[in-house]
């Protein structure tokens, strides 16, 4: 089953977000059907803030290592594409395509001193140019377009999200990603208004997978939640080592 086809099943695609070879191998061993990178996790792992602070060549190296060590379809979080110029974004995608990636995420916000939402029509034009040039190059890359209306809690976010879904659909997106969307009524409304598969992300109050299936969600991802949880556990364990002057905490509840 192709990566595109995984978005057409009755049950949602549970996408495991990874940041290195080890996390990708674990996801494959546990039976996940596809993986996607987390830009925030990779940035943190390499000592950067999120928001395209990592150099693109560094991202490519991480992607190559992951792709070389898993057979799972791999989607890459490209943030805003590492450029605001469509031809440069396409060139970046082509560079990643060398490693056999199945999809990418592109988002409609940029980070300067703070994250801001870009104009929807302008971003739709970028999507259209990117999709057209990928088609010309015969590159079948799933374009999962992220809108940050809920991340930024913009005014009238439900209506604004619906408008952006339609703009991005007409521009050539293959899927729509709405992080921080968790309210059942909003999920149902947006799924019903969308002709494309809707992707939502792990949140503390997110309905379970069975309910999300009922609501029509087609893809569920994790963002940097796993990485953050792992980092918190590491901090807790190391704190216990320092407090107790003993390694006992490392081996409590350990699978070593």
C-alpha atoms as a PDB file:
ATOM      1  CA  UNK A   1       0.000   0.000   0.000  1.00  0.00           C
ATOM      2  CA  UNK A   2       1.415   3.390  -1.010  1.00  0.00           C
ATOM      3  CA  UNK A   3       1.731   6.322   1.362  1.00  0.00           C
ATOM      4  CA  UNK A   4      -1.106   8.076  -0.461  1.00  0.00           C
ATOM      5  CA  UNK A   5      -3.321   5.009  -0.109  1.00  0.00           C
ATOM      6  CA  UNK A   6      -2.690   4.866   3.639  1.00  0.00           C
ATOM      7  CA  UNK A   7      -4.748   8.079   3.872  1.00  0.00           C
ATOM      8  CA  UNK A   8      -7.785   6.429   2.266  1.00  0.00           C
ATOM      9  CA  UNK A   9      -8.457   3.611   4.725  1.00  0.00           C
ATOM     10  CA  UNK A  10     -11.476   3.642   7.011  1.00  0.00           C
ATOM     11  CA  UNK A  11      -9.170   3.605  10.044  1.00  0.00           C
ATOM     12  CA  UNK A  12      -6.816   6.594  10.445  1.00  0.00           C
ATOM     13  CA  UNK A  13      -3.130   6.329   9.627  1.00  0.00           C
ATOM     14  CA  UNK A  14      -1.266   6.508  12.940  1.00  0.00           C
ATOM     15  CA  UNK A  15       1.948   8.273  11.979  1.00  0.00           C
ATOM     16  CA  UNK A  16       4.829   7.796  14.401  1.00  0.00           C
ATOM     17  CA  UNK A  17       6.959  10.920  14.631  1.00  0.00           C
ATOM     18  CA  UNK A  18      10.676  10.174  14.867  1.00  0.00           C
ATOM     19  CA  UNK A  19      13.906  12.137  15.158  1.00  0.00           C
ATOM     20  CA  UNK A  20      16.719   9.629  14.611  1.00  0.00           C
ATOM     21  CA  UNK A  21      17.504   6.125  13.408  1.00  0.00           C
ATOM     22  CA  UNK A  22      16.759   4.488  16.740  1.00  0.00           C
ATOM     23  CA  UNK A  23      13.264   5.958  17.063  1.00  0.00           C
ATOM     24  CA  UNK A  24      12.522   4.997  13.441  1.00  0.00           C
ATOM     25  CA  UNK A  25      13.652   1.413  13.995  1.00  0.00           C
ATOM     26  CA  UNK A  26      11.521   1.111  17.123  1.00  0.00           C
ATOM     27  CA  UNK A  27       8.477   2.408  15.231  1.00  0.00           C
ATOM     28  CA  UNK A  28       9.012  -0.135  12.462  1.00  0.00           C
ATOM     29  CA  UNK A  29       9.536  -2.995  14.906  1.00  0.00           C
ATOM     30  CA  UNK A  30       6.279  -2.131  16.693  1.00  0.00           C
ATOM     31  CA  UNK A  31       4.277  -2.277  13.475  1.00  0.00           C
ATOM     32  CA  UNK A  32       3.644   1.358  12.572  1.00  0.00           C
ATOM     33  CA  UNK A  33       2.792   1.728   8.888  1.00  0.00           C
ATOM     34  CA  UNK A  34       4.604   5.019   8.323  1.00  0.00           C
ATOM     35  CA  UNK A  35       6.835   7.523  10.068  1.00  0.00           C
ATOM     36  CA  UNK A  36       7.309  11.268   9.911  1.00  0.00           C
ATOM     37  CA  UNK A  37      10.022  13.478  11.296  1.00  0.00           C
ATOM     38  CA  UNK A  38       9.419  16.077  13.985  1.00  0.00           C
ATOM     39  CA  UNK A  39      11.237  19.319  13.208  1.00  0.00           C
ATOM     40  CA  UNK A  40      11.108  20.371  16.859  1.00  0.00           C
ATOM     41  CA  UNK A  41      12.615  17.085  18.052  1.00  0.00           C
ATOM     42  CA  UNK A  42      15.399  17.096  15.458  1.00  0.00           C
ATOM     43  CA  UNK A  43      16.204  20.732  16.190  1.00  0.00           C
ATOM     44  CA  UNK A  44      16.393  20.079  19.929  1.00  0.00           C
ATOM     45  CA  UNK A  45      18.518  16.966  19.390  1.00  0.00           C
ATOM     46  CA  UNK A  46      21.044  19.067  17.461  1.00  0.00           C
ATOM     47  CA  UNK A  47      20.968  22.037  19.821  1.00  0.00           C
ATOM     48  CA  UNK A  48      18.722  24.417  17.891  1.00  0.00           C
ATOM     49  CA  UNK A  49      15.447  26.191  18.539  1.00  0.00           C
ATOM     50  CA  UNK A  50      12.539  25.072  16.348  1.00  0.00           C
ATOM     51  CA  UNK A  51      11.662  27.222  13.347  1.00  0.00           C
ATOM     52  CA  UNK A  52      14.172  26.449  10.569  1.00  0.00           C
ATOM     53  CA  UNK A  53      17.153  27.291  12.759  1.00  0.00           C
ATOM     54  CA  UNK A  54      18.815  24.025  11.741  1.00  0.00           C
ATOM     55  CA  UNK A  55      20.753  24.209   8.477  1.00  0.00           C
ATOM     56  CA  UNK A  56      19.052  22.379   5.628  1.00  0.00           C
ATOM     57  CA  UNK A  57      22.148  20.267   4.932  1.00  0.00           C
ATOM     58  CA  UNK A  58      22.012  19.058   8.540  1.00  0.00           C
ATOM     59  CA  UNK A  59      18.365  18.102   8.114  1.00  0.00           C
ATOM     60  CA  UNK A  60      19.259  16.214   4.938  1.00  0.00           C
ATOM     61  CA  UNK A  61      21.894  14.215   6.790  1.00  0.00           C
ATOM     62  CA  UNK A  62      19.399  13.172   9.475  1.00  0.00           C
ATOM     63  CA  UNK A  63      16.820  12.244   6.825  1.00  0.00           C
ATOM     64  CA  UNK A  64      19.370  10.184   4.899  1.00  0.00           C
ATOM     65  CA  UNK A  65      20.354   8.239   8.012  1.00  0.00           C
ATOM     66  CA  UNK A  66      16.721   7.520   8.889  1.00  0.00           C
ATOM     67  CA  UNK A  67      15.766   6.583   5.323  1.00  0.00           C
ATOM     68  CA  UNK A  68      18.755   4.249   5.003  1.00  0.00           C
ATOM     69  CA  UNK A  69      17.688   2.332   8.087  1.00  0.00           C
ATOM     70  CA  UNK A  70      13.963   1.783   7.641  1.00  0.00           C
ATOM     71  CA  UNK A  71      11.655   0.448   4.962  1.00  0.00           C
ATOM     72  CA  UNK A  72       8.682   2.472   6.203  1.00  0.00           C
ATOM     73  CA  UNK A  73       7.271   5.365   4.170  1.00  0.00           C
ATOM     74  CA  UNK A  74       8.890   8.539   5.488  1.00  0.00           C
ATOM     75  CA  UNK A  75       7.335  11.993   5.567  1.00  0.00           C
ATOM     76  CA  UNK A  76       9.588  14.970   6.307  1.00  0.00           C
ATOM     77  CA  UNK A  77       8.607  18.024   8.318  1.00  0.00           C
ATOM     78  CA  UNK A  78      10.040  20.827   6.173  1.00  0.00           C
ATOM     79  CA  UNK A  79       8.458  23.592   8.258  1.00  0.00           C
ATOM     80  CA  UNK A  80       7.973  26.445   5.736  1.00  0.00           C
ATOM     81  CA  UNK A  81      10.240  24.822   3.130  1.00  0.00           C
ATOM     82  CA  UNK A  82      13.522  26.522   4.102  1.00  0.00           C
ATOM     83  CA  UNK A  83      12.729  29.285   1.629  1.00  0.00           C
ATOM     84  CA  UNK A  84       9.901  31.637   0.674  1.00  0.00           C
ATOM     85  CA  UNK A  85      10.623  31.135  -3.026  1.00  0.00           C
ATOM     86  CA  UNK A  86       8.708  28.227  -4.644  1.00  0.00           C
ATOM     87  CA  UNK A  87      11.549  27.152  -6.950  1.00  0.00           C
ATOM     88  CA  UNK A  88      13.930  26.945  -3.991  1.00  0.00           C
ATOM     89  CA  UNK A  89      11.388  24.971  -1.963  1.00  0.00           C
ATOM     90  CA  UNK A  90      11.049  22.547  -4.883  1.00  0.00           C
ATOM     91  CA  UNK A  91      14.823  22.185  -5.112  1.00  0.00           C
ATOM     92  CA  UNK A  92      14.902  21.372  -1.400  1.00  0.00           C
ATOM     93  CA  UNK A  93      12.191  18.755  -1.877  1.00  0.00           C
ATOM     94  CA  UNK A  94      14.112  17.267  -4.801  1.00  0.00           C
ATOM     95  CA  UNK A  95      17.185  16.974  -2.613  1.00  0.00           C
ATOM     96  CA  UNK A  96      15.172  15.085   0.006  1.00  0.00           C
ATOM     97  CA  UNK A  97      13.538  12.953  -2.697  1.00  0.00           C
ATOM     98  CA  UNK A  98      16.945  11.417  -3.401  1.00  0.00           C
ATOM     99  CA  UNK A  99      16.512   9.522  -0.138  1.00  0.00           C
ATOM    100  CA  UNK A 100      13.140   8.110  -1.180  1.00  0.00           C
ATOM    101  CA  UNK A 101      10.833  10.173   1.007  1.00  0.00           C
ATOM    102  CA  UNK A 102       7.096   9.657   0.567  1.00  0.00           C
ATOM    103  CA  UNK A 103       5.768  13.015   1.725  1.00  0.00           C
ATOM    104  CA  UNK A 104       6.479  16.384   3.261  1.00  0.00           C
ATOM    105  CA  UNK A 105       4.809  18.860   5.592  1.00  0.00           C
ATOM    106  CA  UNK A 106       4.738  22.538   4.662  1.00  0.00           C
ATOM    107  CA  UNK A 107       3.268  25.057   7.097  1.00  0.00           C
ATOM    108  CA  UNK A 108       1.596  28.429   6.637  1.00  0.00           C
ATOM    109  CA  UNK A 109       3.426  30.179   9.450  1.00  0.00           C
ATOM    110  CA  UNK A 110       6.958  31.485   9.785  1.00  0.00           C
ATOM    111  CA  UNK A 111       9.137  32.122  12.812  1.00  0.00           C
ATOM    112  CA  UNK A 112      11.083  35.338  13.182  1.00  0.00           C
ATOM    113  CA  UNK A 113      11.086  36.570  16.753  1.00  0.00           C
ATOM    114  CA  UNK A 114       7.685  34.928  17.100  1.00  0.00           C
ATOM    115  CA  UNK A 115       5.527  32.630  14.980  1.00  0.00           C
ATOM    116  CA  UNK A 116       3.147  34.442  12.632  1.00  0.00           C
ATOM    117  CA  UNK A 117       0.531  33.216  10.169  1.00  0.00           C
ATOM    118  CA  UNK A 118       1.169  34.133   6.543  1.00  0.00           C
ATOM    119  CA  UNK A 119      -1.529  35.285   4.148  1.00  0.00           C
ATOM    120  CA  UNK A 120      -3.598  32.307   3.003  1.00  0.00           C
ATOM    121  CA  UNK A 121      -3.844  33.306  -0.656  1.00  0.00           C
ATOM    122  CA  UNK A 122      -0.123  33.990  -0.885  1.00  0.00           C
ATOM    123  CA  UNK A 123       0.674  30.620   0.653  1.00  0.00           C
ATOM    124  CA  UNK A 124      -1.799  28.903  -1.674  1.00  0.00           C
ATOM    125  CA  UNK A 125       0.119  30.377  -4.613  1.00  0.00           C
ATOM    126  CA  UNK A 126       3.306  28.838  -3.234  1.00  0.00           C
ATOM    127  CA  UNK A 127       1.591  25.452  -2.880  1.00  0.00           C
ATOM    128  CA  UNK A 128       0.334  25.662  -6.464  1.00  0.00           C
ATOM    129  CA  UNK A 129       3.781  26.422  -7.863  1.00  0.00           C
ATOM    130  CA  UNK A 130       5.434  23.721  -5.759  1.00  0.00           C
ATOM    131  CA  UNK A 131       2.864  21.091  -6.765  1.00  0.00           C
ATOM    132  CA  UNK A 132       3.091  22.023 -10.447  1.00  0.00           C
ATOM    133  CA  UNK A 133       6.870  21.761 -10.505  1.00  0.00           C
ATOM    134  CA  UNK A 134       6.814  18.446  -8.639  1.00  0.00           C
ATOM    135  CA  UNK A 135       4.358  17.098 -11.214  1.00  0.00           C
ATOM    136  CA  UNK A 136       6.618  18.323 -14.019  1.00  0.00           C
ATOM    137  CA  UNK A 137       9.478  16.399 -12.412  1.00  0.00           C
ATOM    138  CA  UNK A 138       7.280  13.284 -12.002  1.00  0.00           C
ATOM    139  CA  UNK A 139       7.807  13.345  -8.241  1.00  0.00           C
ATOM    140  CA  UNK A 140       4.926  11.747  -6.372  1.00  0.00           C
ATOM    141  CA  UNK A 141       5.423  13.460  -3.024  1.00  0.00           C
ATOM    142  CA  UNK A 142       2.432  13.714  -0.674  1.00  0.00           C
ATOM    143  CA  UNK A 143       1.998  17.401   0.201  1.00  0.00           C
ATOM    144  CA  UNK A 144       0.592  17.580   3.705  1.00  0.00           C
ATOM    145  CA  UNK A 145      -0.152  21.255   4.240  1.00  0.00           C
ATOM    146  CA  UNK A 146      -0.182  22.448   7.822  1.00  0.00           C
ATOM    147  CA  UNK A 147      -2.267  25.413   8.874  1.00  0.00           C
ATOM    148  CA  UNK A 148      -1.413  27.013  12.205  1.00  0.00           C
ATOM    149  CA  UNK A 149      -4.744  28.696  12.826  1.00  0.00           C
ATOM    150  CA  UNK A 150      -5.297  26.645  15.985  1.00  0.00           C
ATOM    151  CA  UNK A 151      -1.647  26.755  17.070  1.00  0.00           C
ATOM    152  CA  UNK A 152      -1.828  30.555  17.058  1.00  0.00           C
ATOM    153  CA  UNK A 153      -5.445  30.692  18.234  1.00  0.00           C
ATOM    154  CA  UNK A 154      -6.366  33.256  15.592  1.00  0.00           C
ATOM    155  CA  UNK A 155      -9.715  35.085  15.748  1.00  0.00           C
ATOM    156  CA  UNK A 156     -12.584  33.074  14.217  1.00  0.00           C
ATOM    157  CA  UNK A 157     -10.174  30.168  13.848  1.00  0.00           C
ATOM    158  CA  UNK A 158     -12.830  27.684  12.725  1.00  0.00           C
ATOM    159  CA  UNK A 159     -13.961  29.854   9.814  1.00  0.00           C
ATOM    160  CA  UNK A 160     -10.395  30.859   8.963  1.00  0.00           C
ATOM    161  CA  UNK A 161      -9.325  27.207   8.921  1.00  0.00           C
ATOM    162  CA  UNK A 162     -12.193  26.288   6.611  1.00  0.00           C
ATOM    163  CA  UNK A 163     -11.198  29.077   4.212  1.00  0.00           C
ATOM    164  CA  UNK A 164      -7.580  27.953   4.209  1.00  0.00           C
ATOM    165  CA  UNK A 165      -8.538  24.321   3.647  1.00  0.00           C
ATOM    166  CA  UNK A 166     -10.404  25.329   0.492  1.00  0.00           C
ATOM    167  CA  UNK A 167      -7.569  27.565  -0.716  1.00  0.00           C
ATOM    168  CA  UNK A 168      -4.948  24.879  -0.163  1.00  0.00           C
ATOM    169  CA  UNK A 169      -7.129  22.172  -1.722  1.00  0.00           C
ATOM    170  CA  UNK A 170      -7.559  24.204  -4.900  1.00  0.00           C
ATOM    171  CA  UNK A 171      -3.805  24.882  -4.919  1.00  0.00           C
ATOM    172  CA  UNK A 172      -2.923  21.181  -5.057  1.00  0.00           C
ATOM    173  CA  UNK A 173      -2.454  19.996  -1.475  1.00  0.00           C
ATOM    174  CA  UNK A 174      -2.852  16.263  -0.854  1.00  0.00           C
ATOM    175  CA  UNK A 175      -3.718  16.524   2.840  1.00  0.00           C
ATOM    176  CA  UNK A 176      -4.437  19.126   5.507  1.00  0.00           C
ATOM    177  CA  UNK A 177      -2.722  19.129   8.904  1.00  0.00           C
ATOM    178  CA  UNK A 178      -4.330  21.103  11.749  1.00  0.00           C
ATOM    179  CA  UNK A 179      -2.214  20.841  14.925  1.00  0.00           C
ATOM    180  CA  UNK A 180      -3.856  21.785  18.254  1.00  0.00           C
ATOM    181  CA  UNK A 181      -7.299  20.892  16.903  1.00  0.00           C
ATOM    182  CA  UNK A 182      -8.948  18.659  19.515  1.00  0.00           C
ATOM    183  CA  UNK A 183     -12.589  19.702  20.039  1.00  0.00           C
ATOM    184  CA  UNK A 184     -14.916  17.068  18.573  1.00  0.00           C
ATOM    185  CA  UNK A 185     -17.386  19.522  17.069  1.00  0.00           C
ATOM    186  CA  UNK A 186     -14.621  21.464  15.310  1.00  0.00           C
ATOM    187  CA  UNK A 187     -13.007  18.265  14.035  1.00  0.00           C
ATOM    188  CA  UNK A 188     -16.310  17.016  12.628  1.00  0.00           C
ATOM    189  CA  UNK A 189     -17.110  20.360  11.002  1.00  0.00           C
ATOM    190  CA  UNK A 190     -13.727  20.655   9.285  1.00  0.00           C
ATOM    191  CA  UNK A 191     -13.625  17.023   8.180  1.00  0.00           C
ATOM    192  CA  UNK A 192     -17.076  17.419   6.616  1.00  0.00           C
ATOM    193  CA  UNK A 193     -15.996  20.607   4.830  1.00  0.00           C
ATOM    194  CA  UNK A 194     -12.769  19.126   3.467  1.00  0.00           C
ATOM    195  CA  UNK A 195     -12.288  17.125   0.286  1.00  0.00           C
ATOM    196  CA  UNK A 196      -8.833  16.122   1.522  1.00  0.00           C
ATOM    197  CA  UNK A 197      -7.752  13.811   4.366  1.00  0.00           C
ATOM    198  CA  UNK A 198      -7.465  15.681   7.656  1.00  0.00           C
ATOM    199  CA  UNK A 199      -4.427  15.144   9.894  1.00  0.00           C
ATOM    200  CA  UNK A 200      -4.553  16.071  13.569  1.00  0.00           C
ATOM    201  CA  UNK A 201      -1.902  15.850  16.264  1.00  0.00           C
ATOM    202  CA  UNK A 202      -1.594  14.372  19.741  1.00  0.00           C
ATOM    203  CA  UNK A 203      -3.057  16.606  22.432  1.00  0.00           C
ATOM    204  CA  UNK A 204      -3.856  15.908  26.105  1.00  0.00           C
ATOM    205  CA  UNK A 205      -7.606  16.167  25.469  1.00  0.00           C
ATOM    206  CA  UNK A 206      -7.682  14.524  22.041  1.00  0.00           C
ATOM    207  CA  UNK A 207     -10.433  11.888  21.582  1.00  0.00           C
ATOM    208  CA  UNK A 208      -9.287   8.281  21.239  1.00  0.00           C
ATOM    209  CA  UNK A 209      -8.551   6.768  17.844  1.00  0.00           C
ATOM    210  CA  UNK A 210     -11.913   5.005  17.546  1.00  0.00           C
ATOM    211  CA  UNK A 211     -13.754   8.287  18.077  1.00  0.00           C
ATOM    212  CA  UNK A 212     -11.469  10.080  15.626  1.00  0.00           C
ATOM    213  CA  UNK A 213     -12.301   7.413  13.066  1.00  0.00           C
ATOM    214  CA  UNK A 214     -15.998   8.100  13.621  1.00  0.00           C
ATOM    215  CA  UNK A 215     -15.330  11.802  13.086  1.00  0.00           C
ATOM    216  CA  UNK A 216     -13.626  11.036   9.762  1.00  0.00           C
ATOM    217  CA  UNK A 217     -10.014  11.854  10.627  1.00  0.00           C
ATOM    218  CA  UNK A 218      -7.589  10.115   8.258  1.00  0.00           C
ATOM    219  CA  UNK A 219      -4.184  10.747   9.846  1.00  0.00           C
ATOM    220  CA  UNK A 220      -3.053  11.150  13.443  1.00  0.00           C
ATOM    221  CA  UNK A 221       0.485  12.242  14.252  1.00  0.00           C
ATOM    222  CA  UNK A 222       2.453  12.853  17.426  1.00  0.00           C
ATOM    223  CA  UNK A 223       4.535  15.973  16.851  1.00  0.00           C
ATOM    224  CA  UNK A 224       7.371  16.196  19.355  1.00  0.00           C
ATOM    225  CA  UNK A 225       5.301  14.699  22.210  1.00  0.00           C
ATOM    226  CA  UNK A 226       7.292  11.455  22.370  1.00  0.00           C
ATOM    227  CA  UNK A 227      10.614  13.273  22.266  1.00  0.00           C
ATOM    228  CA  UNK A 228       9.515  15.712  24.978  1.00  0.00           C
ATOM    229  CA  UNK A 229       8.260  12.851  27.131  1.00  0.00           C
ATOM    230  CA  UNK A 230      11.536  10.979  26.701  1.00  0.00           C
ATOM    231  CA  UNK A 231      13.529  14.101  27.570  1.00  0.00           C
ATOM    232  CA  UNK A 232      11.437  14.659  30.700  1.00  0.00           C
ATOM    233  CA  UNK A 233      12.049  11.062  31.769  1.00  0.00           C
ATOM    234  CA  UNK A 234      15.793  11.474  31.210  1.00  0.00           C
ATOM    235  CA  UNK A 235      15.806  14.623  33.328  1.00  0.00           C
ATOM    236  CA  UNK A 236      13.864  12.843  36.072  1.00  0.00           C
ATOM    237  CA  UNK A 237      16.179   9.825  36.098  1.00  0.00           C
ATOM    238  CA  UNK A 238      19.359  11.902  36.103  1.00  0.00           C
ATOM    239  CA  UNK A 239      17.939  14.061  38.869  1.00  0.00           C
ATOM    240  CA  UNK A 240      17.373  10.937  40.963  1.00  0.00           C
ATOM    241  CA  UNK A 241      20.961   9.836  40.344  1.00  0.00           C
ATOM    242  CA  UNK A 242      22.255  13.171  41.615  1.00  0.00           C
ATOM    243  CA  UNK A 243      19.849  13.360  44.553  1.00  0.00           C
ATOM    244  CA  UNK A 244      20.413   9.782  45.729  1.00  0.00           C
ATOM    245  CA  UNK A 245      24.055   9.412  44.688  1.00  0.00           C
ATOM    246  CA  UNK A 246      23.080   6.022  43.323  1.00  0.00           C
ATOM    247  CA  UNK A 247      22.238   4.429  39.983  1.00  0.00           C
ATOM    248  CA  UNK A 248      19.193   2.604  41.381  1.00  0.00           C
ATOM    249  CA  UNK A 249      16.787   5.016  39.683  1.00  0.00           C
ATOM    250  CA  UNK A 250      18.166   4.090  36.268  1.00  0.00           C
ATOM    251  CA  UNK A 251      17.219   0.457  36.754  1.00  0.00           C
ATOM    252  CA  UNK A 252      13.815   0.955  38.361  1.00  0.00           C
ATOM    253  CA  UNK A 253      11.109   0.011  35.841  1.00  0.00           C
ATOM    254  CA  UNK A 254      13.918  -0.572  33.362  1.00  0.00           C
ATOM    255  CA  UNK A 255      13.923  -2.928  30.383  1.00  0.00           C
ATOM    256  CA  UNK A 256      17.747  -3.061  30.330  1.00  0.00           C
END
